[in-house]
N, C-alpha and C. Protein backbone atom coordinates (compact mmCIF):
# COMPACT_ATOMS: atom_id res chain seq x y z
N MET A 1 0.84 -1.17 0.00
CA MET A 1 0.00 0.00 0.00
C MET A 1 0.89 1.24 0.00
N SER A 2 0.74 2.04 -1.00
CA SER A 2 1.57 3.23 -1.16
C SER A 2 0.77 4.47 -0.79
N GLN A 3 1.38 5.34 0.02
CA GLN A 3 0.73 6.60 0.39
C GLN A 3 1.59 7.75 -0.10
N THR A 4 0.93 8.79 -0.53
CA THR A 4 1.63 9.99 -0.93
C THR A 4 1.53 11.01 0.21
N TYR A 5 2.65 11.54 0.61
CA TYR A 5 2.69 12.53 1.68
C TYR A 5 3.00 13.90 1.11
N LEU A 6 2.40 14.89 1.71
CA LEU A 6 2.69 16.27 1.31
C LEU A 6 4.08 16.66 1.77
N PRO A 7 4.74 17.51 1.02
CA PRO A 7 6.01 18.07 1.53
C PRO A 7 5.73 18.81 2.84
N PRO A 8 6.70 18.87 3.76
CA PRO A 8 6.45 19.47 5.08
C PRO A 8 5.84 20.87 5.03
N GLU A 9 6.32 21.75 4.13
CA GLU A 9 5.77 23.11 4.11
C GLU A 9 4.30 23.13 3.72
N GLN A 10 3.87 22.22 2.83
CA GLN A 10 2.45 22.13 2.46
C GLN A 10 1.64 21.50 3.58
N TRP A 11 2.21 20.48 4.21
CA TRP A 11 1.50 19.81 5.29
C TRP A 11 1.26 20.79 6.45
N TYR A 12 2.31 21.52 6.85
CA TYR A 12 2.14 22.49 7.94
C TYR A 12 1.13 23.57 7.57
N ALA A 13 1.16 24.01 6.32
CA ALA A 13 0.22 25.05 5.87
C ALA A 13 -1.23 24.55 5.88
N SER A 14 -1.41 23.24 5.84
CA SER A 14 -2.76 22.68 5.81
C SER A 14 -3.35 22.45 7.20
N LEU A 15 -2.55 22.59 8.24
CA LEU A 15 -3.02 22.33 9.60
C LEU A 15 -3.90 23.46 10.13
N PRO A 16 -4.82 23.15 11.04
CA PRO A 16 -5.64 24.21 11.64
C PRO A 16 -4.77 25.15 12.48
N THR A 17 -5.23 26.38 12.62
CA THR A 17 -4.50 27.37 13.41
C THR A 17 -5.43 27.98 14.45
N VAL A 18 -4.83 28.62 15.44
CA VAL A 18 -5.59 29.32 16.48
C VAL A 18 -4.95 30.68 16.69
N HIS A 19 -5.72 31.60 17.25
CA HIS A 19 -5.17 32.87 17.71
C HIS A 19 -4.72 32.66 19.16
N LEU A 20 -3.61 33.30 19.54
CA LEU A 20 -3.08 33.16 20.89
C LEU A 20 -3.03 34.50 21.59
N SER A 21 -3.42 34.50 22.85
CA SER A 21 -3.25 35.67 23.70
C SER A 21 -2.68 35.21 25.03
N ALA A 22 -2.04 36.13 25.72
CA ALA A 22 -1.44 35.82 27.01
C ALA A 22 -1.65 36.98 27.96
N CYS A 23 -1.92 36.66 29.21
CA CYS A 23 -2.22 37.66 30.23
C CYS A 23 -1.46 37.34 31.51
N MET A 24 -1.49 38.30 32.42
CA MET A 24 -0.84 38.10 33.70
C MET A 24 -1.80 38.49 34.82
N LEU A 25 -2.01 37.56 35.74
CA LEU A 25 -2.82 37.82 36.91
C LEU A 25 -1.96 38.58 37.93
N LEU A 26 -2.41 39.78 38.25
CA LEU A 26 -1.73 40.62 39.24
C LEU A 26 -2.73 40.98 40.33
N THR A 27 -2.30 40.91 41.58
CA THR A 27 -3.16 41.28 42.69
C THR A 27 -2.43 42.29 43.56
N ASP A 28 -3.18 42.90 44.48
CA ASP A 28 -2.56 43.85 45.41
C ASP A 28 -2.48 43.21 46.80
N ASP A 29 -1.99 44.00 47.77
CA ASP A 29 -1.84 43.50 49.14
C ASP A 29 -3.17 43.10 49.77
N ALA A 30 -4.28 43.64 49.27
CA ALA A 30 -5.61 43.31 49.80
C ALA A 30 -6.24 42.13 49.04
N ASP A 31 -5.45 41.44 48.21
CA ASP A 31 -5.91 40.30 47.41
C ASP A 31 -7.05 40.66 46.47
N ARG A 32 -6.89 41.80 45.80
CA ARG A 32 -7.82 42.21 44.75
C ARG A 32 -7.13 42.05 43.40
N VAL A 33 -7.92 41.81 42.37
CA VAL A 33 -7.42 41.51 41.02
C VAL A 33 -7.29 42.80 40.20
N LEU A 34 -6.16 42.96 39.54
CA LEU A 34 -5.95 44.11 38.67
C LEU A 34 -6.55 43.82 37.30
N LEU A 35 -7.46 44.69 36.87
CA LEU A 35 -8.02 44.64 35.52
C LEU A 35 -7.74 45.96 34.83
N VAL A 36 -7.71 45.91 33.51
CA VAL A 36 -7.52 47.12 32.71
C VAL A 36 -8.76 47.33 31.85
N LYS A 37 -9.03 48.59 31.54
CA LYS A 37 -10.18 48.94 30.69
C LYS A 37 -9.65 49.45 29.36
N PRO A 38 -9.64 48.56 28.33
CA PRO A 38 -9.22 49.02 27.00
C PRO A 38 -10.19 50.07 26.47
N ASN A 39 -9.65 51.05 25.74
CA ASN A 39 -10.52 52.09 25.19
C ASN A 39 -11.22 51.66 23.90
N TYR A 40 -10.90 50.48 23.40
CA TYR A 40 -11.49 49.98 22.16
C TYR A 40 -12.49 48.85 22.41
N ARG A 41 -12.82 48.59 23.70
CA ARG A 41 -13.79 47.55 24.05
C ARG A 41 -14.69 48.08 25.16
N PRO A 42 -15.91 47.54 25.26
CA PRO A 42 -16.83 48.01 26.30
C PRO A 42 -16.63 47.32 27.65
N TYR A 43 -15.66 46.42 27.76
CA TYR A 43 -15.49 45.67 29.00
C TYR A 43 -14.05 45.72 29.48
N TRP A 44 -13.84 45.29 30.71
CA TRP A 44 -12.52 45.23 31.34
C TRP A 44 -11.83 43.93 30.93
N ALA A 45 -10.52 43.83 31.20
CA ALA A 45 -9.75 42.65 30.82
C ALA A 45 -8.59 42.44 31.79
N VAL A 46 -8.10 41.22 31.84
CA VAL A 46 -6.87 40.91 32.56
C VAL A 46 -5.74 41.49 31.72
N PRO A 47 -4.75 42.15 32.31
CA PRO A 47 -3.67 42.75 31.52
C PRO A 47 -2.98 41.70 30.65
N GLY A 48 -2.83 42.03 29.38
CA GLY A 48 -2.20 41.11 28.43
C GLY A 48 -2.56 41.50 27.01
N GLY A 49 -2.33 40.58 26.09
CA GLY A 49 -2.63 40.88 24.70
C GLY A 49 -2.30 39.73 23.79
N MET A 50 -2.27 40.04 22.50
CA MET A 50 -2.04 39.03 21.48
C MET A 50 -0.56 38.66 21.39
N VAL A 51 -0.32 37.37 21.24
CA VAL A 51 1.04 36.85 21.10
C VAL A 51 1.53 37.18 19.69
N ASP A 52 2.71 37.75 19.60
CA ASP A 52 3.33 38.04 18.30
C ASP A 52 3.81 36.74 17.66
N ASP A 53 3.95 36.75 16.35
CA ASP A 53 4.42 35.57 15.61
C ASP A 53 5.75 35.09 16.17
N GLY A 54 5.80 33.83 16.59
CA GLY A 54 7.02 33.23 17.11
C GLY A 54 7.33 33.57 18.56
N GLU A 55 6.49 34.37 19.21
CA GLU A 55 6.73 34.80 20.59
C GLU A 55 6.14 33.79 21.58
N PRO A 56 6.91 33.36 22.56
CA PRO A 56 6.34 32.48 23.59
C PRO A 56 5.29 33.23 24.41
N PRO A 57 4.22 32.56 24.83
CA PRO A 57 3.15 33.23 25.57
C PRO A 57 3.62 33.95 26.83
N GLN A 58 4.53 33.37 27.60
CA GLN A 58 4.98 34.02 28.83
C GLN A 58 5.76 35.29 28.53
N VAL A 59 6.46 35.34 27.41
CA VAL A 59 7.16 36.55 27.00
C VAL A 59 6.15 37.62 26.60
N CYS A 60 5.10 37.21 25.91
CA CYS A 60 4.03 38.13 25.53
C CYS A 60 3.39 38.75 26.77
N ALA A 61 3.07 37.92 27.77
CA ALA A 61 2.42 38.43 28.98
C ALA A 61 3.29 39.49 29.65
N ALA A 62 4.58 39.21 29.78
CA ALA A 62 5.50 40.18 30.41
C ALA A 62 5.62 41.44 29.55
N ARG A 63 5.71 41.29 28.25
CA ARG A 63 5.81 42.44 27.34
C ARG A 63 4.57 43.32 27.45
N GLU A 64 3.40 42.70 27.42
CA GLU A 64 2.15 43.46 27.48
C GLU A 64 1.99 44.19 28.82
N VAL A 65 2.35 43.55 29.92
CA VAL A 65 2.28 44.23 31.23
C VAL A 65 3.24 45.41 31.25
N GLY A 66 4.41 45.24 30.64
CA GLY A 66 5.35 46.35 30.55
C GLY A 66 4.81 47.49 29.70
N GLU A 67 4.22 47.15 28.55
CA GLU A 67 3.69 48.17 27.66
C GLU A 67 2.46 48.86 28.25
N GLU A 68 1.53 48.08 28.79
CA GLU A 68 0.25 48.62 29.25
C GLU A 68 0.35 49.33 30.60
N LEU A 69 1.20 48.80 31.48
CA LEU A 69 1.21 49.27 32.87
C LEU A 69 2.55 49.83 33.33
N GLY A 70 3.57 49.73 32.48
CA GLY A 70 4.88 50.23 32.85
C GLY A 70 5.56 49.41 33.94
N LEU A 71 5.10 48.18 34.14
CA LEU A 71 5.66 47.32 35.19
C LEU A 71 6.53 46.23 34.57
N GLN A 72 7.67 45.98 35.17
CA GLN A 72 8.52 44.89 34.74
C GLN A 72 8.27 43.72 35.70
N VAL A 73 7.49 42.76 35.24
CA VAL A 73 7.10 41.63 36.07
C VAL A 73 7.46 40.34 35.34
N LEU A 74 8.17 39.47 36.02
CA LEU A 74 8.49 38.16 35.45
C LEU A 74 7.28 37.25 35.63
N PRO A 75 6.88 36.57 34.56
CA PRO A 75 5.74 35.67 34.70
C PRO A 75 6.08 34.47 35.57
N GLY A 76 5.16 34.13 36.44
CA GLY A 76 5.32 32.95 37.28
C GLY A 76 4.63 31.76 36.65
N ALA A 77 4.02 30.97 37.48
CA ALA A 77 3.39 29.73 37.04
C ALA A 77 2.26 29.99 36.04
N LEU A 78 2.07 29.05 35.15
CA LEU A 78 0.93 29.08 34.24
C LEU A 78 -0.31 28.68 35.05
N LEU A 79 -1.27 29.60 35.16
CA LEU A 79 -2.46 29.36 35.96
C LEU A 79 -3.61 28.77 35.16
N VAL A 80 -3.90 29.38 34.01
CA VAL A 80 -5.08 28.99 33.24
C VAL A 80 -4.74 28.93 31.76
N VAL A 81 -5.28 27.90 31.11
CA VAL A 81 -5.29 27.82 29.65
C VAL A 81 -6.76 27.76 29.26
N ASP A 82 -7.18 28.70 28.43
CA ASP A 82 -8.59 28.81 28.04
C ASP A 82 -8.69 28.67 26.53
N TRP A 83 -9.60 27.80 26.08
CA TRP A 83 -9.86 27.60 24.65
C TRP A 83 -11.27 28.08 24.38
N VAL A 84 -11.40 29.04 23.45
CA VAL A 84 -12.69 29.61 23.09
C VAL A 84 -12.90 29.39 21.59
N PRO A 85 -14.05 28.86 21.19
CA PRO A 85 -14.28 28.57 19.77
C PRO A 85 -14.39 29.84 18.94
N PRO A 86 -14.32 29.70 17.61
CA PRO A 86 -14.53 30.87 16.75
C PRO A 86 -15.89 31.50 17.06
N MET A 87 -15.93 32.82 17.01
CA MET A 87 -17.20 33.51 17.21
C MET A 87 -17.12 34.91 16.64
N GLY A 88 -18.26 35.40 16.22
CA GLY A 88 -18.32 36.75 15.68
C GLY A 88 -17.39 36.93 14.49
N ASP A 89 -16.60 37.98 14.53
CA ASP A 89 -15.66 38.27 13.45
C ASP A 89 -14.39 37.43 13.51
N ARG A 90 -14.20 36.67 14.58
CA ARG A 90 -12.98 35.87 14.74
C ARG A 90 -13.20 34.49 14.14
N PRO A 91 -12.53 34.19 13.00
CA PRO A 91 -12.79 32.93 12.30
C PRO A 91 -12.08 31.71 12.88
N ARG A 92 -11.18 31.92 13.84
CA ARG A 92 -10.42 30.82 14.40
C ARG A 92 -10.64 30.74 15.91
N PRO A 93 -10.37 29.58 16.49
CA PRO A 93 -10.42 29.49 17.95
C PRO A 93 -9.36 30.40 18.57
N MET A 94 -9.59 30.76 19.83
CA MET A 94 -8.64 31.58 20.60
C MET A 94 -8.17 30.75 21.77
N MET A 95 -6.87 30.74 21.98
CA MET A 95 -6.31 30.15 23.20
C MET A 95 -5.69 31.27 24.00
N ASN A 96 -6.01 31.29 25.30
CA ASN A 96 -5.48 32.30 26.19
C ASN A 96 -4.71 31.63 27.32
N PHE A 97 -3.56 32.19 27.63
CA PHE A 97 -2.72 31.71 28.72
C PHE A 97 -2.69 32.79 29.80
N ILE A 98 -2.94 32.42 31.04
CA ILE A 98 -2.83 33.37 32.15
C ILE A 98 -1.71 32.90 33.06
N PHE A 99 -0.72 33.78 33.24
CA PHE A 99 0.42 33.51 34.10
C PHE A 99 0.28 34.28 35.40
N ASP A 100 0.86 33.76 36.45
CA ASP A 100 0.82 34.42 37.75
C ASP A 100 1.87 35.52 37.77
N GLY A 101 1.42 36.75 37.99
CA GLY A 101 2.34 37.88 38.09
C GLY A 101 2.60 38.30 39.52
N GLY A 102 1.97 37.62 40.47
CA GLY A 102 2.21 37.91 41.87
C GLY A 102 1.47 39.14 42.37
N ILE A 103 2.02 39.69 43.43
CA ILE A 103 1.40 40.82 44.12
C ILE A 103 2.14 42.12 43.76
N ILE A 104 1.37 43.13 43.41
CA ILE A 104 1.91 44.47 43.17
C ILE A 104 1.83 45.21 44.50
N ALA A 105 2.95 45.25 45.20
CA ALA A 105 2.98 45.85 46.55
C ALA A 105 2.83 47.37 46.50
N ASP A 106 3.26 47.99 45.39
CA ASP A 106 3.20 49.44 45.28
C ASP A 106 2.47 49.82 43.99
N PRO A 107 1.12 49.89 44.04
CA PRO A 107 0.35 50.23 42.85
C PRO A 107 0.68 51.60 42.25
N SER A 108 1.34 52.47 43.01
CA SER A 108 1.71 53.79 42.47
C SER A 108 2.75 53.66 41.36
N ARG A 109 3.37 52.50 41.22
CA ARG A 109 4.34 52.26 40.13
C ARG A 109 3.66 52.07 38.78
N ILE A 110 2.36 51.83 38.77
CA ILE A 110 1.64 51.61 37.52
C ILE A 110 1.63 52.88 36.69
N ARG A 111 2.05 52.76 35.45
CA ARG A 111 2.04 53.87 34.48
C ARG A 111 1.18 53.44 33.31
N LEU A 112 -0.06 53.88 33.29
CA LEU A 112 -1.05 53.45 32.31
C LEU A 112 -0.72 53.93 30.90
N GLN A 113 -0.77 53.00 29.95
CA GLN A 113 -0.59 53.34 28.54
C GLN A 113 -1.93 53.88 28.03
N THR A 114 -2.05 55.19 27.91
CA THR A 114 -3.33 55.81 27.58
C THR A 114 -3.70 55.71 26.11
N ASP A 115 -2.77 55.25 25.26
CA ASP A 115 -3.12 55.04 23.85
C ASP A 115 -4.15 53.93 23.70
N GLU A 116 -4.09 52.91 24.58
CA GLU A 116 -4.98 51.77 24.48
C GLU A 116 -5.89 51.59 25.69
N LEU A 117 -5.53 52.17 26.81
CA LEU A 117 -6.26 51.91 28.05
C LEU A 117 -6.85 53.18 28.66
N ASP A 118 -8.08 53.06 29.15
CA ASP A 118 -8.73 54.16 29.86
C ASP A 118 -8.46 54.11 31.36
N ALA A 119 -8.26 52.89 31.89
CA ALA A 119 -8.12 52.76 33.34
C ALA A 119 -7.49 51.43 33.71
N ALA A 120 -6.98 51.38 34.93
CA ALA A 120 -6.54 50.14 35.57
C ALA A 120 -7.04 50.23 37.00
N ARG A 121 -7.58 49.12 37.49
CA ARG A 121 -8.17 49.15 38.83
C ARG A 121 -8.12 47.76 39.45
N PHE A 122 -7.93 47.73 40.77
CA PHE A 122 -8.00 46.48 41.52
C PHE A 122 -9.45 46.25 41.94
N TRP A 123 -9.93 45.02 41.72
CA TRP A 123 -11.31 44.64 42.03
C TRP A 123 -11.31 43.42 42.95
N PRO A 124 -12.30 43.30 43.84
CA PRO A 124 -12.47 42.04 44.56
C PRO A 124 -12.70 40.91 43.55
N TRP A 125 -12.25 39.71 43.88
CA TRP A 125 -12.32 38.58 42.95
C TRP A 125 -13.70 38.42 42.32
N GLU A 126 -14.74 38.39 43.15
CA GLU A 126 -16.10 38.14 42.64
C GLU A 126 -16.54 39.27 41.70
N GLU A 127 -16.23 40.49 42.04
CA GLU A 127 -16.61 41.62 41.20
C GLU A 127 -15.79 41.65 39.92
N ALA A 128 -14.52 41.27 40.00
CA ALA A 128 -13.66 41.26 38.81
C ALA A 128 -14.25 40.37 37.73
N ALA A 129 -14.75 39.21 38.12
CA ALA A 129 -15.32 38.29 37.13
C ALA A 129 -16.51 38.90 36.40
N THR A 130 -17.25 39.78 37.08
CA THR A 130 -18.42 40.39 36.43
C THR A 130 -18.05 41.48 35.45
N LYS A 131 -16.81 41.94 35.48
CA LYS A 131 -16.36 43.01 34.59
C LYS A 131 -15.91 42.48 33.23
N LEU A 132 -15.67 41.17 33.14
CA LEU A 132 -15.25 40.56 31.89
C LEU A 132 -16.47 40.08 31.11
N PRO A 133 -16.34 39.90 29.80
CA PRO A 133 -17.46 39.35 29.04
C PRO A 133 -17.75 37.91 29.49
N ALA A 134 -18.98 37.47 29.26
CA ALA A 134 -19.39 36.13 29.69
C ALA A 134 -18.47 35.04 29.14
N THR A 135 -17.93 35.24 27.95
CA THR A 135 -17.09 34.22 27.32
C THR A 135 -15.74 34.05 28.01
N THR A 136 -15.31 35.05 28.80
CA THR A 136 -14.00 34.95 29.45
C THR A 136 -14.06 35.10 30.97
N ALA A 137 -15.24 35.33 31.53
CA ALA A 137 -15.37 35.57 32.97
C ALA A 137 -14.88 34.39 33.81
N ALA A 138 -14.99 33.18 33.31
CA ALA A 138 -14.57 31.99 34.07
C ALA A 138 -13.07 31.99 34.34
N ARG A 139 -12.32 32.80 33.62
CA ARG A 139 -10.88 32.85 33.83
C ARG A 139 -10.52 33.37 35.23
N ILE A 140 -11.32 34.27 35.76
CA ILE A 140 -11.00 34.87 37.06
C ILE A 140 -11.09 33.84 38.20
N PRO A 141 -12.22 33.17 38.39
CA PRO A 141 -12.25 32.16 39.46
C PRO A 141 -11.29 31.00 39.20
N ALA A 142 -11.08 30.66 37.94
CA ALA A 142 -10.13 29.59 37.62
C ALA A 142 -8.72 30.00 38.02
N ALA A 143 -8.35 31.24 37.75
CA ALA A 143 -7.01 31.73 38.13
C ALA A 143 -6.84 31.74 39.64
N ARG A 144 -7.90 32.11 40.34
CA ARG A 144 -7.83 32.12 41.82
C ARG A 144 -7.61 30.71 42.36
N THR A 145 -8.36 29.75 41.84
CA THR A 145 -8.22 28.36 42.25
C THR A 145 -6.85 27.81 41.87
N ALA A 146 -6.41 28.11 40.67
CA ALA A 146 -5.10 27.62 40.22
C ALA A 146 -3.97 28.17 41.08
N ARG A 147 -4.05 29.44 41.41
CA ARG A 147 -3.02 30.04 42.26
C ARG A 147 -3.03 29.38 43.64
N LYS A 148 -4.22 29.21 44.21
CA LYS A 148 -4.36 28.61 45.54
C LYS A 148 -3.84 27.17 45.56
N ASN A 149 -4.20 26.39 44.54
CA ASN A 149 -3.84 24.97 44.50
C ASN A 149 -2.51 24.69 43.82
N GLN A 150 -1.90 25.73 43.27
CA GLN A 150 -0.63 25.60 42.54
C GLN A 150 -0.73 24.52 41.47
N GLN A 151 -1.81 24.63 40.67
CA GLN A 151 -2.04 23.67 39.60
C GLN A 151 -2.77 24.37 38.45
N THR A 152 -2.26 24.21 37.24
CA THR A 152 -2.85 24.82 36.06
C THR A 152 -4.25 24.26 35.82
N ILE A 153 -5.16 25.15 35.41
CA ILE A 153 -6.53 24.76 35.08
C ILE A 153 -6.75 24.99 33.58
N PHE A 154 -7.35 23.99 32.94
CA PHE A 154 -7.75 24.11 31.53
C PHE A 154 -9.25 24.38 31.49
N LEU A 155 -9.61 25.45 30.76
CA LEU A 155 -11.02 25.79 30.59
C LEU A 155 -11.45 25.41 29.17
N PRO A 156 -12.14 24.29 29.03
CA PRO A 156 -12.65 23.96 27.70
C PRO A 156 -13.86 24.84 27.39
N ALA A 157 -14.22 24.86 26.15
CA ALA A 157 -15.31 25.75 25.70
C ALA A 157 -16.69 25.13 25.92
N GLU A 158 -16.87 24.41 26.99
CA GLU A 158 -18.15 23.78 27.27
C GLU A 158 -19.09 24.70 28.04
N ARG A 159 -18.66 25.94 28.25
CA ARG A 159 -19.51 26.91 28.93
C ARG A 159 -20.26 27.73 27.88
N ASP A 160 -21.23 28.50 28.32
CA ASP A 160 -22.02 29.31 27.39
C ASP A 160 -21.12 30.32 26.70
N ALA A 161 -21.32 30.48 25.40
CA ALA A 161 -20.55 31.44 24.61
C ALA A 161 -21.33 32.71 24.39
């Protein structure tokens, strides 16, 4: 039985792709979650952004926190991996990685990037989850549990979209 295989470049080009984003969970001394309010969206978000081509997700998370908040934070443990199916204008699934950024002991160090963000604010855990869209709100309690249990949580897309 003879099989014909595609050359590697054609085979790789034929594989499904996903969009990648990476974020960093940051809290304050009162154990509140830092969220940012992008000026191009109606909702709040965990600090982070889209992974550049060839960029590791943890590098993206640190870069985005540096760009958005002026903070140099090394990413800690991977807390959450979230897979969201294609929806709306996004034709591909989205995978999001949330890394632990630890505690921001001195919030006065935050320097907001006003080109993209209207605000940054610490929220109680339960309230923080309500500030995100329904499709991503589960990331907040999952990140809290993952941090507490020191174990990564995978969020499949079995929740309401």
